[in-house]
Structures are given as structure tokens and as C-alpha cells.
Amino acid sequence: MKKKERYEYNDLLKIMSMLRAPNGCPWDREQDHKSLKRYLIEEAYEVLEAIDEESPSKLCDELGDLLLQVVFHAQIAKENGKFNMDDVVHGVSAKMVNRHRHVFGDEEAETSDDVMDIWEKVKKEEKGLKTQTQVLKEVPGNLPALMRSFKVQQKAAQVGFDWDNINDAMLKVKEELNELEQAYKGGNEASIEEELGDLLFAVVNVSRFLKVQPELALTATTNKFISRFEYVESSAQNQGKQLTDMTLDEMDALWDDSKRLEREKKEC
């Protein structure tokens, strides 16, 4: 294939086919669905990072990398006689039309909640799910734990299995924290792990009532921690010190400085 000023969708399919051909790229030819799993996850997270950075050019680039992974998997499946990229496009198009019956059919939906009700109803029909337990089990086990808990709780709430209000959910967090403290005092490692899991699950429930994605909230907090830690370390170095030579009180003072600067920046 010759270099072009502008490539199109079909060019990408042809490029992937050539890379997988006998005289193509040795690395690409060695890959299979399982070996590519890590790259699919990595590319998805890089898309999220581009969104957070609000960089259109980076987002365009990262979406291309993610699309490449889809095309890669479709090419492997095509070679194995399972399906091809046309089947992928057809399948998702048919799914969108069927699950948006308020747009392409006779059903009505005035709110986003109405839309989600239709979506879940049709999804159960498509998958032949008879019980809500089956719906819960359909949530992928490979999802990040906080995200999976959030989705499982959402689907349990669809049939009324839920707290009446956020206050009850918050009380559950306090209850689980007390149980974790008791398990810790008892020294039972298995019980400690179980109670810690219960506490995290309860916190996710609170986040659901607040309409906050726990995965995103924790990511933001982790990034904030890194930023503050960077300030502490750079400030220490400016004073001719290393963190290992400082007391915790000294480091805490710099930490408080970083928080103060954050507040001042927000107020500007």
C-alpha cells in the first residue's frame, strides 16, 4: 500500500489484513485475542486520560488506537472463520436500533430514566434473562471492582432492592466501619478482609446515591495525592532536604501548604 494524504476506514482494514498476512509483521501475526487483552485495556484508559485533559487532538489520536484494537480482534476472528468487521458493525447497529425503540419504534420515553428502563427491558429480552439474579451475573467480572459493585447495585435497585434514602446508606457505612474495627481488634485476617470488602461496597452505595462514579472519584483523589506529594518533595528539595531526613510533622506542614495553595487557586 502506498502512502496517502488521507486514509479512510477501508484502508485501516486493508492495513491490518496486510500486517497479519504471511509476509506481514511478525509481531502482529503472533497475536491472538488473549495476548491483545492488555492493549485493549491500556488504550481504553488512554482515551479516558485524553478526555480528562480536554485535548481534542490527543482524544482523536487515542480513539484511533482504540479503534485499531477493535479492527485487530475482528481480523483475527475473520481469519478463524468466526466473524469480520462488517459483522461487528452490523451487530452494534442492530442493537442500537432495537434498544432505542423510542426513536426507531413505537415506545415513548420522555426522560433519561425512561430510556434506561427500555434499554434494560430490551437487553433482558435479547439475552433471554428470566431473573434479576441473571441480570446481576451478566455484569462482567473483569470490570474494576468499584465499577462492578456500582453496576450490580444499580441493577439490584431496579427491582426495589435498595435503601430508601442516602441517610440509610451512610448509616450502613458507619455500621460496616464498626464491624471492620471489631474484626481488626479480633485479629482474624479472613474476617478483616471480608469486613473491608463490606465497607467498600457500602461506600460505593453512597456514591451511587450521590450519582458519583466511585472509580473516577478515587482516580481524581489519587491524582490529587500525587500532586500534593510532588509539592512536598520539591519544597523539601528547595530547602536542601530529602524526605527521608524529615520528620512527619515537617512533611505534614508542607502538605498543608499544598492544600492551601490549591484552595487559593480555586478561589482565583
C-alpha atoms as a PDB file:
ATOM      1  CA  MET A   1       0.000   0.000   0.000  1.00  0.00           C
ATOM      2  CA  LYS A   2       1.320   3.422  -0.969  1.00  0.00           C
ATOM      3  CA  LYS A   3       1.332   6.328   1.454  1.00  0.00           C
ATOM      4  CA  LYS A   4      -1.723   8.571   1.110  1.00  0.00           C
ATOM      5  CA  GLU A   5      -2.564  12.128   2.033  1.00  0.00           C
ATOM      6  CA  ARG A   6      -5.650  10.900   3.872  1.00  0.00           C
ATOM      7  CA  TYR A   7      -6.564   7.345   4.822  1.00  0.00           C
ATOM      8  CA  GLU A   8     -10.115   6.045   5.186  1.00  0.00           C
ATOM      9  CA  TYR A   9     -11.883   3.330   7.162  1.00  0.00           C
ATOM     10  CA  ASN A  10     -11.394   0.640   4.494  1.00  0.00           C
ATOM     11  CA  ASP A  11      -7.683   1.475   4.357  1.00  0.00           C
ATOM     12  CA  LEU A  12      -7.388   0.561   8.031  1.00  0.00           C
ATOM     13  CA  LEU A  13      -8.989  -2.826   7.367  1.00  0.00           C
ATOM     14  CA  LYS A  14      -6.581  -3.447   4.490  1.00  0.00           C
ATOM     15  CA  ILE A  15      -3.564  -2.377   6.547  1.00  0.00           C
ATOM     16  CA  MET A  16      -4.491  -4.794   9.335  1.00  0.00           C
ATOM     17  CA  SER A  17      -5.013  -7.599   6.816  1.00  0.00           C
ATOM     18  CA  MET A  18      -1.555  -6.930   5.340  1.00  0.00           C
ATOM     19  CA  LEU A  19       0.063  -6.852   8.788  1.00  0.00           C
ATOM     20  CA  ARG A  20      -1.430 -10.269   9.556  1.00  0.00           C
ATOM     21  CA  ALA A  21      -0.505 -11.762   6.161  1.00  0.00           C
ATOM     22  CA  PRO A  22       2.288 -14.393   5.852  1.00  0.00           C
ATOM     23  CA  ASN A  23       4.701 -11.727   4.605  1.00  0.00           C
ATOM     24  CA  GLY A  24       3.453  -9.126   7.087  1.00  0.00           C
ATOM     25  CA  CYS A  25       4.637  -8.112  10.554  1.00  0.00           C
ATOM     26  CA  PRO A  26       5.973 -10.974  12.756  1.00  0.00           C
ATOM     27  CA  TRP A  27       4.661  -9.343  15.958  1.00  0.00           C
ATOM     28  CA  ASP A  28       1.168  -8.720  14.595  1.00  0.00           C
ATOM     29  CA  ARG A  29       0.993 -12.274  13.229  1.00  0.00           C
ATOM     30  CA  GLU A  30       1.839 -13.727  16.653  1.00  0.00           C
ATOM     31  CA  GLN A  31      -1.059 -12.031  18.448  1.00  0.00           C
ATOM     32  CA  ASP A  32      -4.373 -13.600  19.420  1.00  0.00           C
ATOM     33  CA  HIS A  33      -7.437 -12.420  21.348  1.00  0.00           C
ATOM     34  CA  LYS A  34      -5.885 -13.209  24.731  1.00  0.00           C
ATOM     35  CA  SER A  35      -2.497 -11.633  24.060  1.00  0.00           C
ATOM     36  CA  LEU A  36      -4.216  -8.402  23.000  1.00  0.00           C
ATOM     37  CA  LYS A  37      -6.332  -8.059  26.155  1.00  0.00           C
ATOM     38  CA  ARG A  38      -3.823  -5.841  27.962  1.00  0.00           C
ATOM     39  CA  TYR A  39      -3.539  -3.484  24.979  1.00  0.00           C
ATOM     40  CA  LEU A  40      -7.307  -3.090  24.734  1.00  0.00           C
ATOM     41  CA  ILE A  41      -7.450  -2.069  28.391  1.00  0.00           C
ATOM     42  CA  GLU A  42      -4.452   0.258  28.079  1.00  0.00           C
ATOM     43  CA  GLU A  43      -5.882   2.031  25.038  1.00  0.00           C
ATOM     44  CA  ALA A  44      -9.271   2.475  26.728  1.00  0.00           C
ATOM     45  CA  TYR A  45      -7.615   4.122  29.735  1.00  0.00           C
ATOM     46  CA  GLU A  46      -5.546   6.371  27.471  1.00  0.00           C
ATOM     47  CA  VAL A  47      -8.809   7.551  25.889  1.00  0.00           C
ATOM     48  CA  LEU A  48     -10.090   8.424  29.368  1.00  0.00           C
ATOM     49  CA  GLU A  49      -6.907  10.345  30.098  1.00  0.00           C
ATOM     50  CA  ALA A  50      -7.275  12.334  26.873  1.00  0.00           C
ATOM     51  CA  ILE A  51     -10.849  13.205  27.843  1.00  0.00           C
ATOM     52  CA  ASP A  52      -9.716  14.375  31.282  1.00  0.00           C
ATOM     53  CA  GLU A  53      -7.001  16.508  29.683  1.00  0.00           C
ATOM     54  CA  GLU A  54      -9.617  18.066  27.376  1.00  0.00           C
ATOM     55  CA  SER A  55      -7.272  17.663  24.422  1.00  0.00           C
ATOM     56  CA  PRO A  56      -9.203  17.138  21.142  1.00  0.00           C
ATOM     57  CA  SER A  57      -6.072  16.212  19.185  1.00  0.00           C
ATOM     58  CA  LYS A  58      -4.978  13.657  21.783  1.00  0.00           C
ATOM     59  CA  LEU A  59      -8.514  12.280  22.037  1.00  0.00           C
ATOM     60  CA  CYS A  60      -8.648  11.828  18.255  1.00  0.00           C
ATOM     61  CA  ASP A  61      -5.323  10.001  18.347  1.00  0.00           C
ATOM     62  CA  GLU A  62      -6.267   7.745  21.269  1.00  0.00           C
ATOM     63  CA  LEU A  63      -9.661   6.886  19.767  1.00  0.00           C
ATOM     64  CA  GLY A  64      -7.768   5.751  16.688  1.00  0.00           C
ATOM     65  CA  ASP A  65      -5.588   3.483  18.817  1.00  0.00           C
ATOM     66  CA  LEU A  66      -8.699   2.043  20.460  1.00  0.00           C
ATOM     67  CA  LEU A  67     -10.351   1.506  17.070  1.00  0.00           C
ATOM     68  CA  LEU A  68      -7.222  -0.315  15.931  1.00  0.00           C
ATOM     69  CA  GLN A  69      -7.713  -2.834  18.725  1.00  0.00           C
ATOM     70  CA  VAL A  70     -11.294  -3.483  17.583  1.00  0.00           C
ATOM     71  CA  VAL A  71     -10.130  -3.959  13.988  1.00  0.00           C
ATOM     72  CA  PHE A  72      -7.293  -6.211  15.189  1.00  0.00           C
ATOM     73  CA  HIS A  73      -9.680  -8.533  17.031  1.00  0.00           C
ATOM     74  CA  ALA A  74     -12.084  -8.572  14.082  1.00  0.00           C
ATOM     75  CA  GLN A  75      -9.260  -9.519  11.698  1.00  0.00           C
ATOM     76  CA  ILE A  76      -8.199 -12.414  13.924  1.00  0.00           C
ATOM     77  CA  ALA A  77     -11.809 -13.607  14.111  1.00  0.00           C
ATOM     78  CA  LYS A  78     -12.121 -13.322  10.320  1.00  0.00           C
ATOM     79  CA  GLU A  79      -9.039 -15.497   9.831  1.00  0.00           C
ATOM     80  CA  ASN A  80     -10.575 -18.075  12.180  1.00  0.00           C
ATOM     81  CA  GLY A  81     -13.847 -18.046  10.242  1.00  0.00           C
ATOM     82  CA  LYS A  82     -15.853 -16.634  13.169  1.00  0.00           C
ATOM     83  CA  PHE A  83     -16.882 -13.089  12.145  1.00  0.00           C
ATOM     84  CA  ASN A  84     -15.499  -9.976  10.468  1.00  0.00           C
ATOM     85  CA  MET A  85     -15.623  -6.211  10.937  1.00  0.00           C
ATOM     86  CA  ASP A  86     -18.821  -5.944   8.889  1.00  0.00           C
ATOM     87  CA  ASP A  87     -20.470  -8.328  11.352  1.00  0.00           C
ATOM     88  CA  VAL A  88     -19.283  -6.154  14.254  1.00  0.00           C
ATOM     89  CA  VAL A  89     -20.743  -3.009  12.666  1.00  0.00           C
ATOM     90  CA  HIS A  90     -23.993  -4.773  11.783  1.00  0.00           C
ATOM     91  CA  GLY A  91     -24.364  -6.221  15.272  1.00  0.00           C
ATOM     92  CA  VAL A  92     -23.913  -2.961  17.135  1.00  0.00           C
ATOM     93  CA  SER A  93     -26.138  -1.076  14.661  1.00  0.00           C
ATOM     94  CA  ALA A  94     -28.947  -3.606  15.048  1.00  0.00           C
ATOM     95  CA  LYS A  95     -28.544  -3.449  18.822  1.00  0.00           C
ATOM     96  CA  MET A  96     -28.784   0.358  18.888  1.00  0.00           C
ATOM     97  CA  VAL A  97     -31.932   0.359  16.748  1.00  0.00           C
ATOM     98  CA  ASN A  98     -33.578  -2.364  18.839  1.00  0.00           C
ATOM     99  CA  ARG A  99     -32.713  -0.784  22.195  1.00  0.00           C
ATOM    100  CA  HIS A 100     -33.833   2.709  21.120  1.00  0.00           C
ATOM    101  CA  ARG A 101     -37.435   1.820  20.415  1.00  0.00           C
ATOM    102  CA  HIS A 102     -38.473   5.313  21.489  1.00  0.00           C
ATOM    103  CA  VAL A 103     -36.574   6.601  18.427  1.00  0.00           C
ATOM    104  CA  PHE A 104     -36.898   3.778  15.895  1.00  0.00           C
ATOM    105  CA  GLY A 105     -40.111   2.192  17.185  1.00  0.00           C
ATOM    106  CA  ASP A 106     -43.438   2.936  18.858  1.00  0.00           C
ATOM    107  CA  GLU A 107     -42.382   3.183  22.513  1.00  0.00           C
ATOM    108  CA  GLU A 108     -42.235   6.540  24.288  1.00  0.00           C
ATOM    109  CA  ALA A 109     -39.532   7.947  26.545  1.00  0.00           C
ATOM    110  CA  GLU A 110     -39.658  11.461  27.948  1.00  0.00           C
ATOM    111  CA  THR A 111     -36.766  11.218  30.402  1.00  0.00           C
ATOM    112  CA  SER A 112     -33.369   9.543  30.618  1.00  0.00           C
ATOM    113  CA  ASP A 113     -34.810   7.182  33.241  1.00  0.00           C
ATOM    114  CA  ASP A 114     -37.485   6.119  30.746  1.00  0.00           C
ATOM    115  CA  VAL A 115     -34.754   5.451  28.198  1.00  0.00           C
ATOM    116  CA  MET A 116     -32.797   3.286  30.638  1.00  0.00           C
ATOM    117  CA  ASP A 117     -35.930   1.325  31.548  1.00  0.00           C
ATOM    118  CA  ILE A 118     -36.474   0.499  27.878  1.00  0.00           C
ATOM    119  CA  TRP A 119     -32.792  -0.322  27.427  1.00  0.00           C
ATOM    120  CA  GLU A 120     -32.721  -2.776  30.338  1.00  0.00           C
ATOM    121  CA  LYS A 121     -36.013  -4.385  29.315  1.00  0.00           C
ATOM    122  CA  VAL A 122     -34.832  -4.970  25.747  1.00  0.00           C
ATOM    123  CA  LYS A 123     -31.428  -6.158  26.934  1.00  0.00           C
ATOM    124  CA  LYS A 124     -33.092  -8.820  29.087  1.00  0.00           C
ATOM    125  CA  GLU A 125     -35.173  -9.902  26.096  1.00  0.00           C
ATOM    126  CA  GLU A 126     -32.122 -10.136  23.829  1.00  0.00           C
ATOM    127  CA  LYS A 127     -30.116 -12.187  26.309  1.00  0.00           C
ATOM    128  CA  GLY A 128     -33.053 -14.340  27.402  1.00  0.00           C
ATOM    129  CA  LEU A 129     -32.633 -13.375  31.051  1.00  0.00           C
ATOM    130  CA  LYS A 130     -35.539 -14.539  33.207  1.00  0.00           C
ATOM    131  CA  THR A 131     -34.451 -13.458  36.696  1.00  0.00           C
ATOM    132  CA  GLN A 132     -32.786 -10.367  38.139  1.00  0.00           C
ATOM    133  CA  THR A 133     -30.045 -12.589  39.560  1.00  0.00           C
ATOM    134  CA  GLN A 134     -29.143 -13.468  35.986  1.00  0.00           C
ATOM    135  CA  VAL A 135     -29.015  -9.748  35.228  1.00  0.00           C
ATOM    136  CA  LEU A 136     -26.572  -9.212  38.107  1.00  0.00           C
ATOM    137  CA  LYS A 137     -24.402 -12.100  36.938  1.00  0.00           C
ATOM    138  CA  GLU A 138     -24.222 -10.519  33.474  1.00  0.00           C
ATOM    139  CA  VAL A 139     -22.133  -7.660  34.880  1.00  0.00           C
ATOM    140  CA  PRO A 140     -18.598  -8.553  33.688  1.00  0.00           C
ATOM    141  CA  GLY A 141     -16.373  -9.970  36.399  1.00  0.00           C
ATOM    142  CA  ASN A 142     -13.332  -8.351  34.767  1.00  0.00           C
ATOM    143  CA  LEU A 143     -14.579  -4.826  35.445  1.00  0.00           C
ATOM    144  CA  PRO A 144     -12.639  -2.809  38.047  1.00  0.00           C
ATOM    145  CA  ALA A 145     -14.093  -3.779  41.433  1.00  0.00           C
ATOM    146  CA  LEU A 146     -15.603  -0.379  42.275  1.00  0.00           C
ATOM    147  CA  MET A 147     -17.241  -0.099  38.866  1.00  0.00           C
ATOM    148  CA  ARG A 148     -18.617  -3.656  39.056  1.00  0.00           C
ATOM    149  CA  SER A 149     -20.072  -3.045  42.528  1.00  0.00           C
ATOM    150  CA  PHE A 150     -21.715   0.154  41.291  1.00  0.00           C
ATOM    151  CA  LYS A 151     -23.374  -1.610  38.344  1.00  0.00           C
ATOM    152  CA  VAL A 152     -24.501  -4.601  40.434  1.00  0.00           C
ATOM    153  CA  GLN A 153     -26.122  -2.255  42.967  1.00  0.00           C
ATOM    154  CA  GLN A 154     -27.797  -0.288  40.171  1.00  0.00           C
ATOM    155  CA  LYS A 155     -29.348  -3.426  38.744  1.00  0.00           C
ATOM    156  CA  ALA A 156     -30.479  -4.694  42.160  1.00  0.00           C
ATOM    157  CA  ALA A 157     -32.147  -1.314  42.736  1.00  0.00           C
ATOM    158  CA  GLN A 158     -34.147  -1.728  39.511  1.00  0.00           C
ATOM    159  CA  VAL A 159     -36.415  -4.215  41.299  1.00  0.00           C
ATOM    160  CA  GLY A 160     -36.625  -2.184  44.516  1.00  0.00           C
ATOM    161  CA  PHE A 161     -33.811  -3.896  46.440  1.00  0.00           C
ATOM    162  CA  ASP A 162     -32.300  -0.660  47.716  1.00  0.00           C
ATOM    163  CA  TRP A 163     -32.068   1.729  50.646  1.00  0.00           C
ATOM    164  CA  ASP A 164     -34.903   4.220  50.989  1.00  0.00           C
ATOM    165  CA  ASN A 165     -32.528   7.178  51.021  1.00  0.00           C
ATOM    166  CA  ILE A 166     -28.886   8.213  51.214  1.00  0.00           C
ATOM    167  CA  ASN A 167     -29.036   8.612  55.006  1.00  0.00           C
ATOM    168  CA  ASP A 168     -29.692   4.892  55.374  1.00  0.00           C
ATOM    169  CA  ALA A 169     -26.806   4.172  53.002  1.00  0.00           C
ATOM    170  CA  MET A 170     -24.487   6.364  55.082  1.00  0.00           C
ATOM    171  CA  LEU A 171     -25.557   4.625  58.290  1.00  0.00           C
ATOM    172  CA  LYS A 172     -24.570   1.345  56.647  1.00  0.00           C
ATOM    173  CA  VAL A 173     -21.081   2.745  56.036  1.00  0.00           C
ATOM    174  CA  LYS A 174     -20.755   3.554  59.748  1.00  0.00           C
ATOM    175  CA  GLU A 175     -22.025   0.085  60.659  1.00  0.00           C
ATOM    176  CA  GLU A 176     -19.510  -1.607  58.365  1.00  0.00           C
ATOM    177  CA  LEU A 177     -16.674   0.580  59.687  1.00  0.00           C
ATOM    178  CA  ASN A 178     -17.526  -0.501  63.242  1.00  0.00           C
ATOM    179  CA  GLU A 179     -17.533  -4.148  62.161  1.00  0.00           C
ATOM    180  CA  LEU A 180     -14.129  -3.682  60.499  1.00  0.00           C
ATOM    181  CA  GLU A 181     -12.756  -2.195  63.725  1.00  0.00           C
ATOM    182  CA  GLN A 182     -14.053  -5.185  65.689  1.00  0.00           C
ATOM    183  CA  ALA A 183     -12.539  -7.616  63.177  1.00  0.00           C
ATOM    184  CA  TYR A 184      -9.203  -5.795  63.412  1.00  0.00           C
ATOM    185  CA  LYS A 185      -9.239  -5.983  67.199  1.00  0.00           C
ATOM    186  CA  GLY A 186     -10.055  -9.679  66.954  1.00  0.00           C
ATOM    187  CA  GLY A 187      -7.025 -10.306  64.753  1.00  0.00           C
ATOM    188  CA  ASN A 188      -8.878 -12.566  62.311  1.00  0.00           C
ATOM    189  CA  GLU A 189      -7.305 -11.865  58.892  1.00  0.00           C
ATOM    190  CA  ALA A 190     -10.085 -13.547  56.896  1.00  0.00           C
ATOM    191  CA  SER A 191     -12.713 -11.578  58.794  1.00  0.00           C
ATOM    192  CA  ILE A 192     -10.759  -8.338  58.298  1.00  0.00           C
ATOM    193  CA  GLU A 193     -10.681  -8.830  54.521  1.00  0.00           C
ATOM    194  CA  GLU A 194     -14.395  -9.638  54.438  1.00  0.00           C
ATOM    195  CA  GLU A 195     -15.361  -6.622  56.538  1.00  0.00           C
ATOM    196  CA  LEU A 196     -13.143  -4.323  54.480  1.00  0.00           C
ATOM    197  CA  GLY A 197     -14.933  -5.553  51.361  1.00  0.00           C
ATOM    198  CA  ASP A 198     -18.299  -4.875  53.018  1.00  0.00           C
ATOM    199  CA  LEU A 199     -17.156  -1.349  53.896  1.00  0.00           C
ATOM    200  CA  LEU A 200     -16.039  -0.605  50.338  1.00  0.00           C
ATOM    201  CA  PHE A 201     -19.324  -1.984  48.996  1.00  0.00           C
ATOM    202  CA  ALA A 202     -21.257   0.298  51.358  1.00  0.00           C
ATOM    203  CA  VAL A 203     -19.205   3.332  50.276  1.00  0.00           C
ATOM    204  CA  VAL A 204     -19.974   2.524  46.641  1.00  0.00           C
ATOM    205  CA  ASN A 205     -23.658   2.511  47.573  1.00  0.00           C
ATOM    206  CA  VAL A 206     -23.340   6.054  48.924  1.00  0.00           C
ATOM    207  CA  SER A 207     -21.582   7.144  45.735  1.00  0.00           C
ATOM    208  CA  ARG A 208     -24.477   5.709  43.727  1.00  0.00           C
ATOM    209  CA  PHE A 209     -26.992   7.797  45.662  1.00  0.00           C
ATOM    210  CA  LEU A 210     -24.788  10.845  45.063  1.00  0.00           C
ATOM    211  CA  LYS A 211     -24.567   9.980  41.336  1.00  0.00           C
ATOM    212  CA  VAL A 212     -20.771   9.942  41.582  1.00  0.00           C
ATOM    213  CA  GLN A 213     -18.768   7.243  39.819  1.00  0.00           C
ATOM    214  CA  PRO A 214     -16.517   5.818  42.578  1.00  0.00           C
ATOM    215  CA  GLU A 215     -13.836   4.742  40.108  1.00  0.00           C
ATOM    216  CA  LEU A 216     -13.497   8.282  38.751  1.00  0.00           C
ATOM    217  CA  ALA A 217     -13.677   9.830  42.223  1.00  0.00           C
ATOM    218  CA  LEU A 218     -10.890   7.600  43.531  1.00  0.00           C
ATOM    219  CA  THR A 219      -8.771   8.250  40.441  1.00  0.00           C
ATOM    220  CA  ALA A 220      -9.135  12.002  40.961  1.00  0.00           C
ATOM    221  CA  THR A 221      -8.173  11.666  44.624  1.00  0.00           C
ATOM    222  CA  THR A 222      -5.135   9.540  43.750  1.00  0.00           C
ATOM    223  CA  ASN A 223      -4.019  12.148  41.218  1.00  0.00           C
ATOM    224  CA  LYS A 224      -4.511  14.829  43.869  1.00  0.00           C
ATOM    225  CA  PHE A 225      -2.373  12.850  46.301  1.00  0.00           C
ATOM    226  CA  ILE A 226       0.428  12.560  43.736  1.00  0.00           C
ATOM    227  CA  SER A 227       0.265  16.289  43.012  1.00  0.00           C
ATOM    228  CA  ARG A 228       0.464  17.188  46.707  1.00  0.00           C
ATOM    229  CA  PHE A 229       3.251  14.695  47.295  1.00  0.00           C
ATOM    230  CA  GLU A 230       5.172  16.261  44.415  1.00  0.00           C
ATOM    231  CA  TYR A 231       4.814  19.662  46.097  1.00  0.00           C
ATOM    232  CA  VAL A 232       6.072  18.267  49.401  1.00  0.00           C
ATOM    233  CA  GLU A 233       9.101  16.641  47.796  1.00  0.00           C
ATOM    234  CA  SER A 234      10.032  19.603  45.586  1.00  0.00           C
ATOM    235  CA  SER A 235       9.618  22.000  48.532  1.00  0.00           C
ATOM    236  CA  ALA A 236      11.876  19.811  50.636  1.00  0.00           C
ATOM    237  CA  GLN A 237      14.494  19.737  47.895  1.00  0.00           C
ATOM    238  CA  ASN A 238      14.322  23.533  47.639  1.00  0.00           C
ATOM    239  CA  GLN A 239      15.225  23.573  51.336  1.00  0.00           C
ATOM    240  CA  GLY A 240      18.165  21.267  50.663  1.00  0.00           C
ATOM    241  CA  LYS A 241      16.451  18.314  52.342  1.00  0.00           C
ATOM    242  CA  GLN A 242      15.412  14.778  51.426  1.00  0.00           C
ATOM    243  CA  LEU A 243      12.063  13.354  52.553  1.00  0.00           C
ATOM    244  CA  THR A 244      13.821  10.532  54.369  1.00  0.00           C
ATOM    245  CA  ASP A 245      15.611  13.115  56.531  1.00  0.00           C
ATOM    246  CA  MET A 246      12.433  14.983  57.517  1.00  0.00           C
ATOM    247  CA  THR A 247      10.023  14.338  60.354  1.00  0.00           C
ATOM    248  CA  LEU A 248       6.394  13.544  59.668  1.00  0.00           C
ATOM    249  CA  ASP A 249       5.412  16.889  61.218  1.00  0.00           C
ATOM    250  CA  GLU A 250       7.667  18.720  58.753  1.00  0.00           C
ATOM    251  CA  MET A 251       6.185  16.857  55.812  1.00  0.00           C
ATOM    252  CA  ASP A 252       2.647  17.440  57.105  1.00  0.00           C
ATOM    253  CA  ALA A 253       3.344  21.176  57.253  1.00  0.00           C
ATOM    254  CA  LEU A 254       4.344  21.173  53.577  1.00  0.00           C
ATOM    255  CA  TRP A 255       1.292  19.046  52.799  1.00  0.00           C
ATOM    256  CA  ASP A 256      -0.929  21.669  54.434  1.00  0.00           C
ATOM    257  CA  ASP A 257       0.820  24.333  52.343  1.00  0.00           C
ATOM    258  CA  SER A 258      -0.064  22.454  49.162  1.00  0.00           C
ATOM    259  CA  LYS A 259      -3.717  22.245  50.245  1.00  0.00           C
ATOM    260  CA  ARG A 260      -3.752  25.978  50.991  1.00  0.00           C
ATOM    261  CA  LEU A 261      -2.335  26.780  47.550  1.00  0.00           C
ATOM    262  CA  GLU A 262      -4.980  24.550  45.945  1.00  0.00           C
ATOM    263  CA  ARG A 263      -7.748  26.455  47.738  1.00  0.00           C
ATOM    264  CA  GLU A 264      -6.287  29.815  46.721  1.00  0.00           C
ATOM    265  CA  LYS A 265      -6.048  28.681  43.112  1.00  0.00           C
ATOM    266  CA  LYS A 266      -9.703  27.606  43.114  1.00  0.00           C
ATOM    267  CA  GLU A 267     -10.783  30.957  44.563  1.00  0.00           C
ATOM    268  CA  CYS A 268      -8.979  32.923  41.852  1.00  0.00           C
END
